C-alpha atoms as a PDB file:
ATOM      1  CA  UNK A   1     230.804 124.483 150.702  1.00  0.00           C
ATOM      2  CA  UNK A   2     229.519 127.934 151.891  1.00  0.00           C
ATOM      3  CA  UNK A   3     231.433 130.472 153.833  1.00  0.00           C
ATOM      4  CA  UNK A   4     231.741 131.307 157.407  1.00  0.00           C
ATOM      5  CA  UNK A   5     230.657 134.863 157.725  1.00  0.00           C
ATOM      6  CA  UNK A   6     230.531 137.230 160.712  1.00  0.00           C
ATOM      7  CA  UNK A   7     227.739 139.704 160.194  1.00  0.00           C
ATOM      8  CA  UNK A   8     226.604 142.508 162.247  1.00  0.00           C
ATOM      9  CA  UNK A   9     225.187 146.055 162.446  1.00  0.00           C
ATOM     10  CA  UNK A  10     227.501 148.384 164.339  1.00  0.00           C
ATOM     11  CA  UNK A  11     227.064 151.790 166.147  1.00  0.00           C
ATOM     12  CA  UNK A  12     229.360 154.458 165.062  1.00  0.00           C
ATOM     13  CA  UNK A  13     231.262 154.042 168.236  1.00  0.00           C
ATOM     14  CA  UNK A  14     231.889 150.359 167.856  1.00  0.00           C
ATOM     15  CA  UNK A  15     229.165 148.474 169.564  1.00  0.00           C
ATOM     16  CA  UNK A  16     227.009 145.594 168.282  1.00  0.00           C
ATOM     17  CA  UNK A  17     224.665 145.701 171.215  1.00  0.00           C
ATOM     18  CA  UNK A  18     223.879 148.336 173.852  1.00  0.00           C
ATOM     19  CA  UNK A  19     224.182 147.792 177.655  1.00  0.00           C
ATOM     20  CA  UNK A  20     222.508 144.574 178.587  1.00  0.00           C
ATOM     21  CA  UNK A  21     222.538 143.490 174.977  1.00  0.00           C
ATOM     22  CA  UNK A  22     219.898 146.074 174.172  1.00  0.00           C
ATOM     23  CA  UNK A  23     219.098 146.128 170.470  1.00  0.00           C
ATOM     24  CA  UNK A  24     216.450 148.942 170.348  1.00  0.00           C
ATOM     25  CA  UNK A  25     219.123 151.236 168.944  1.00  0.00           C
ATOM     26  CA  UNK A  26     218.830 149.306 165.534  1.00  0.00           C
ATOM     27  CA  UNK A  27     215.579 151.400 164.934  1.00  0.00           C
ATOM     28  CA  UNK A  28     218.084 154.249 164.017  1.00  0.00           C
ATOM     29  CA  UNK A  29     219.475 152.124 161.087  1.00  0.00           C
ATOM     30  CA  UNK A  30     218.956 153.271 157.566  1.00  0.00           C
ATOM     31  CA  UNK A  31     216.229 151.211 155.946  1.00  0.00           C
ATOM     32  CA  UNK A  32     217.425 148.428 153.582  1.00  0.00           C
ATOM     33  CA  UNK A  33     216.047 148.159 150.035  1.00  0.00           C
ATOM     34  CA  UNK A  34     213.341 145.695 149.572  1.00  0.00           C
ATOM     35  CA  UNK A  35     214.613 142.197 149.381  1.00  0.00           C
ATOM     36  CA  UNK A  36     217.715 142.832 150.971  1.00  0.00           C
ATOM     37  CA  UNK A  37     217.323 141.127 154.306  1.00  0.00           C
ATOM     38  CA  UNK A  38     215.499 138.204 152.669  1.00  0.00           C
ATOM     39  CA  UNK A  39     218.356 137.650 150.310  1.00  0.00           C
ATOM     40  CA  UNK A  40     220.872 137.699 153.176  1.00  0.00           C
ATOM     41  CA  UNK A  41     218.778 135.270 155.166  1.00  0.00           C
ATOM     42  CA  UNK A  42     218.381 132.954 152.137  1.00  0.00           C
ATOM     43  CA  UNK A  43     222.234 132.404 152.052  1.00  0.00           C
ATOM     44  CA  UNK A  44     222.511 131.249 155.650  1.00  0.00           C
ATOM     45  CA  UNK A  45     221.813 127.710 156.702  1.00  0.00           C
ATOM     46  CA  UNK A  46     223.351 127.715 160.224  1.00  0.00           C
ATOM     47  CA  UNK A  47     223.638 130.565 162.767  1.00  0.00           C
ATOM     48  CA  UNK A  48     226.150 130.264 165.592  1.00  0.00           C
ATOM     49  CA  UNK A  49     225.304 132.460 168.636  1.00  0.00           C
ATOM     50  CA  UNK A  50     226.616 132.876 172.133  1.00  0.00           C
ATOM     51  CA  UNK A  51     224.916 132.237 175.589  1.00  0.00           C
ATOM     52  CA  UNK A  52     224.891 135.816 176.624  1.00  0.00           C
ATOM     53  CA  UNK A  53     223.064 137.109 173.577  1.00  0.00           C
ATOM     54  CA  UNK A  54     220.540 134.116 173.663  1.00  0.00           C
ATOM     55  CA  UNK A  55     219.695 134.923 177.365  1.00  0.00           C
ATOM     56  CA  UNK A  56     219.389 138.568 176.599  1.00  0.00           C
ATOM     57  CA  UNK A  57     216.992 137.812 173.578  1.00  0.00           C
ATOM     58  CA  UNK A  58     214.818 135.559 175.856  1.00  0.00           C
ATOM     59  CA  UNK A  59     214.722 138.144 178.629  1.00  0.00           C
ATOM     60  CA  UNK A  60     213.772 140.966 176.270  1.00  0.00           C
ATOM     61  CA  UNK A  61     211.355 138.956 174.217  1.00  0.00           C
ATOM     62  CA  UNK A  62     208.416 141.331 175.160  1.00  0.00           C
ATOM     63  CA  UNK A  63     210.130 144.497 174.416  1.00  0.00           C
ATOM     64  CA  UNK A  64     211.971 143.588 171.213  1.00  0.00           C
ATOM     65  CA  UNK A  65     210.641 144.921 167.859  1.00  0.00           C
ATOM     66  CA  UNK A  66     209.923 143.041 164.694  1.00  0.00           C
ATOM     67  CA  UNK A  67     213.477 143.216 163.358  1.00  0.00           C
ATOM     68  CA  UNK A  68     215.225 142.357 166.514  1.00  0.00           C
ATOM     69  CA  UNK A  69     213.042 139.544 168.035  1.00  0.00           C
ATOM     70  CA  UNK A  70     213.976 137.030 165.375  1.00  0.00           C
ATOM     71  CA  UNK A  71     217.086 136.482 163.224  1.00  0.00           C
ATOM     72  CA  UNK A  72     216.776 138.605 160.039  1.00  0.00           C
ATOM     73  CA  UNK A  73     213.549 139.971 161.306  1.00  0.00           C
ATOM     74  CA  UNK A  74     211.937 136.470 161.058  1.00  0.00           C
ATOM     75  CA  UNK A  75     213.023 136.073 157.312  1.00  0.00           C
ATOM     76  CA  UNK A  76     215.577 133.327 158.191  1.00  0.00           C
ATOM     77  CA  UNK A  77     214.966 129.584 158.849  1.00  0.00           C
ATOM     78  CA  UNK A  78     217.532 127.170 159.383  1.00  0.00           C
ATOM     79  CA  UNK A  79     219.549 125.656 162.470  1.00  0.00           C
ATOM     80  CA  UNK A  80     220.939 127.847 165.308  1.00  0.00           C
ATOM     81  CA  UNK A  81     223.743 126.542 167.462  1.00  0.00           C
ATOM     82  CA  UNK A  82     224.122 128.300 170.913  1.00  0.00           C
ATOM     83  CA  UNK A  83     227.556 127.924 172.226  1.00  0.00           C
ATOM     84  CA  UNK A  84     227.300 127.518 176.180  1.00  0.00           C
ATOM     85  CA  UNK A  85     229.212 125.615 179.070  1.00  0.00           C
ATOM     86  CA  UNK A  86     225.746 124.620 180.452  1.00  0.00           C
ATOM     87  CA  UNK A  87     223.797 123.111 177.328  1.00  0.00           C
ATOM     88  CA  UNK A  88     221.530 121.234 179.553  1.00  0.00           C
ATOM     89  CA  UNK A  89     219.853 124.425 180.612  1.00  0.00           C
ATOM     90  CA  UNK A  90     218.570 124.817 177.130  1.00  0.00           C
ATOM     91  CA  UNK A  91     217.248 121.333 176.550  1.00  0.00           C
ATOM     92  CA  UNK A  92     213.627 122.504 176.697  1.00  0.00           C
ATOM     93  CA  UNK A  93     214.226 125.094 173.758  1.00  0.00           C
ATOM     94  CA  UNK A  94     213.833 122.998 170.488  1.00  0.00           C
ATOM     95  CA  UNK A  95     214.491 126.163 168.455  1.00  0.00           C
ATOM     96  CA  UNK A  96     218.156 125.861 169.171  1.00  0.00           C
ATOM     97  CA  UNK A  97     220.853 123.391 169.436  1.00  0.00           C
ATOM     98  CA  UNK A  98     222.974 124.160 172.646  1.00  0.00           C
ATOM     99  CA  UNK A  99     226.700 122.957 172.223  1.00  0.00           C
ATOM    100  CA  UNK A 100     229.557 122.940 174.599  1.00  0.00           C
ATOM    101  CA  UNK A 101     232.431 122.658 172.345  1.00  0.00           C
ATOM    102  CA  UNK A 102     235.279 124.675 170.643  1.00  0.00           C
ATOM    103  CA  UNK A 103     234.297 127.106 167.838  1.00  0.00           C
ATOM    104  CA  UNK A 104     236.182 124.895 165.517  1.00  0.00           C
ATOM    105  CA  UNK A 105     234.059 121.904 166.357  1.00  0.00           C
ATOM    106  CA  UNK A 106     230.856 124.044 166.055  1.00  0.00           C
ATOM    107  CA  UNK A 107     231.980 125.184 162.519  1.00  0.00           C
ATOM    108  CA  UNK A 108     232.739 121.655 161.471  1.00  0.00           C
ATOM    109  CA  UNK A 109     229.351 120.596 162.643  1.00  0.00           C
ATOM    110  CA  UNK A 110     227.702 123.615 161.028  1.00  0.00           C
ATOM    111  CA  UNK A 111     229.365 122.826 157.717  1.00  0.00           C
ATOM    112  CA  UNK A 112     227.948 119.356 157.739  1.00  0.00           C
ATOM    113  CA  UNK A 113     224.458 120.907 157.812  1.00  0.00           C
ATOM    114  CA  UNK A 114     225.094 124.011 155.713  1.00  0.00           C
ATOM    115  CA  UNK A 115     226.207 122.297 152.477  1.00  0.00           C
ATOM    116  CA  UNK A 116     226.708 125.159 149.929  1.00  0.00           C
ATOM    117  CA  UNK A 117     224.895 127.758 152.161  1.00  0.00           C
ATOM    118  CA  UNK A 118     226.678 129.862 154.748  1.00  0.00           C
ATOM    119  CA  UNK A 119     227.251 129.879 158.397  1.00  0.00           C
ATOM    120  CA  UNK A 120     226.547 133.061 160.114  1.00  0.00           C
ATOM    121  CA  UNK A 121     228.317 133.974 163.381  1.00  0.00           C
ATOM    122  CA  UNK A 122     226.211 136.518 165.316  1.00  0.00           C
ATOM    123  CA  UNK A 123     228.085 137.026 168.635  1.00  0.00           C
ATOM    124  CA  UNK A 124     231.156 139.259 169.155  1.00  0.00           C
ATOM    125  CA  UNK A 125     232.730 136.830 171.578  1.00  0.00           C
ATOM    126  CA  UNK A 126     232.299 133.750 169.298  1.00  0.00           C
ATOM    127  CA  UNK A 127     233.435 135.705 166.371  1.00  0.00           C
ATOM    128  CA  UNK A 128     236.642 136.626 168.404  1.00  0.00           C
ATOM    129  CA  UNK A 129     237.219 132.978 168.967  1.00  0.00           C
ATOM    130  CA  UNK A 130     236.702 132.048 165.453  1.00  0.00           C
ATOM    131  CA  UNK A 131     239.108 134.841 164.329  1.00  0.00           C
ATOM    132  CA  UNK A 132     241.700 133.314 166.625  1.00  0.00           C
ATOM    133  CA  UNK A 133     241.153 129.964 164.965  1.00  0.00           C
ATOM    134  CA  UNK A 134     241.311 131.588 161.544  1.00  0.00           C
ATOM    135  CA  UNK A 135     237.767 130.428 160.623  1.00  0.00           C
ATOM    136  CA  UNK A 136     236.074 133.629 159.470  1.00  0.00           C
ATOM    137  CA  UNK A 137     235.921 133.840 155.527  1.00  0.00           C
ATOM    138  CA  UNK A 138     233.900 137.075 155.429  1.00  0.00           C
ATOM    139  CA  UNK A 139     233.011 140.031 157.571  1.00  0.00           C
ATOM    140  CA  UNK A 140     229.637 141.668 156.729  1.00  0.00           C
ATOM    141  CA  UNK A 141     229.320 145.187 158.134  1.00  0.00           C
ATOM    142  CA  UNK A 142     226.436 147.619 158.335  1.00  0.00           C
ATOM    143  CA  UNK A 143     226.731 151.064 160.166  1.00  0.00           C
ATOM    144  CA  UNK A 144     224.084 152.451 162.186  1.00  0.00           C
ATOM    145  CA  UNK A 145     224.202 156.245 162.671  1.00  0.00           C
ATOM    146  CA  UNK A 146     224.101 156.168 166.571  1.00  0.00           C
ATOM    147  CA  UNK A 147     226.540 156.481 169.451  1.00  0.00           C
ATOM    148  CA  UNK A 148     225.733 154.118 172.241  1.00  0.00           C
ATOM    149  CA  UNK A 149     228.689 154.922 174.606  1.00  0.00           C
ATOM    150  CA  UNK A 150     228.655 151.477 176.168  1.00  0.00           C
ATOM    151  CA  UNK A 151     227.516 147.915 175.424  1.00  0.00           C
ATOM    152  CA  UNK A 152     229.175 144.941 173.628  1.00  0.00           C
ATOM    153  CA  UNK A 153     232.097 145.893 171.651  1.00  0.00           C
ATOM    154  CA  UNK A 154     232.444 144.484 168.045  1.00  0.00           C
ATOM    155  CA  UNK A 155     235.932 143.343 168.802  1.00  0.00           C
ATOM    156  CA  UNK A 156     237.444 143.494 172.361  1.00  0.00           C
ATOM    157  CA  UNK A 157     240.731 141.865 172.974  1.00  0.00           C
ATOM    158  CA  UNK A 158     242.536 143.180 176.207  1.00  0.00           C
ATOM    159  CA  UNK A 159     245.865 144.304 175.302  1.00  0.00           C
ATOM    160  CA  UNK A 160     244.809 144.602 171.637  1.00  0.00           C
ATOM    161  CA  UNK A 161     245.184 142.505 168.527  1.00  0.00           C
ATOM    162  CA  UNK A 162     245.476 143.848 164.993  1.00  0.00           C
ATOM    163  CA  UNK A 163     243.523 142.081 162.144  1.00  0.00           C
ATOM    164  CA  UNK A 164     243.695 143.471 158.735  1.00  0.00           C
ATOM    165  CA  UNK A 165     240.667 143.205 156.189  1.00  0.00           C
ATOM    166  CA  UNK A 166     240.355 143.808 152.495  1.00  0.00           C
ATOM    167  CA  UNK A 167     237.279 145.043 150.771  1.00  0.00           C
ATOM    168  CA  UNK A 168     235.393 142.549 148.792  1.00  0.00           C
ATOM    169  CA  UNK A 169     232.252 144.469 148.000  1.00  0.00           C
ATOM    170  CA  UNK A 170     230.269 147.597 148.515  1.00  0.00           C
ATOM    171  CA  UNK A 171     226.483 147.170 148.612  1.00  0.00           C
ATOM    172  CA  UNK A 172     225.529 149.801 146.057  1.00  0.00           C
ATOM    173  CA  UNK A 173     221.718 149.033 146.701  1.00  0.00           C
ATOM    174  CA  UNK A 174     222.165 150.157 150.339  1.00  0.00           C
ATOM    175  CA  UNK A 175     224.563 153.183 150.194  1.00  0.00           C
ATOM    176  CA  UNK A 176     223.135 154.876 153.413  1.00  0.00           C
ATOM    177  CA  UNK A 177     223.912 151.778 155.597  1.00  0.00           C
ATOM    178  CA  UNK A 178     227.578 151.767 154.572  1.00  0.00           C
ATOM    179  CA  UNK A 179     227.187 148.190 153.929  1.00  0.00           C
ATOM    180  CA  UNK A 180     230.506 146.625 153.174  1.00  0.00           C
ATOM    181  CA  UNK A 181     231.880 143.010 152.865  1.00  0.00           C
ATOM    182  CA  UNK A 182     235.485 142.210 153.638  1.00  0.00           C
ATOM    183  CA  UNK A 183     237.688 139.186 153.841  1.00  0.00           C
ATOM    184  CA  UNK A 184     240.841 138.588 155.941  1.00  0.00           C
ATOM    185  CA  UNK A 185     243.717 140.372 154.158  1.00  0.00           C
ATOM    186  CA  UNK A 186     245.723 137.917 152.134  1.00  0.00           C
ATOM    187  CA  UNK A 187     243.026 135.272 151.825  1.00  0.00           C
ATOM    188  CA  UNK A 188     242.277 134.918 148.078  1.00  0.00           C
ATOM    189  CA  UNK A 189     239.072 132.790 148.269  1.00  0.00           C
ATOM    190  CA  UNK A 190     236.730 131.026 150.523  1.00  0.00           C
ATOM    191  CA  UNK A 191     237.576 127.455 151.546  1.00  0.00           C
END
């Protein structure tokens, strides 16, 4: 069985999207070595995203660049679940499966599809829910040298909540992106 990963690029001040889910700031990211994006995309069978990010991507379709208009810059193909309380509103979009369920049920459904490949969560809110349910096996982090000042925080829990992580790998092929992979501290291996 593949792992459940939360992967993201993050500004230096802790945002994974700018105000209004703006993603244009990713142009400030360090370029990845050839084949990196394709290799990451090939490992993923199912993406789980949230409704706010989905709506923003649709609204910004005409202004997003090649890398941000599609998952992994278009290098990925697979199944995308969008978690929403109003799945009927997405019935006409055959590119996604809209689900109104818990993150645990969504992960179970994704694992049935993914087999040995991974499940990738690309929403801060959905990832927070998955962390609360102890469903995240791996965190994949890329740093982007930009301050945004506002937007979607990587991890936002009113009142705070501490989660400790331990380093698994450093992406030596992409040192300028500060690419790191972590797992929840104390977890020996993937499920």
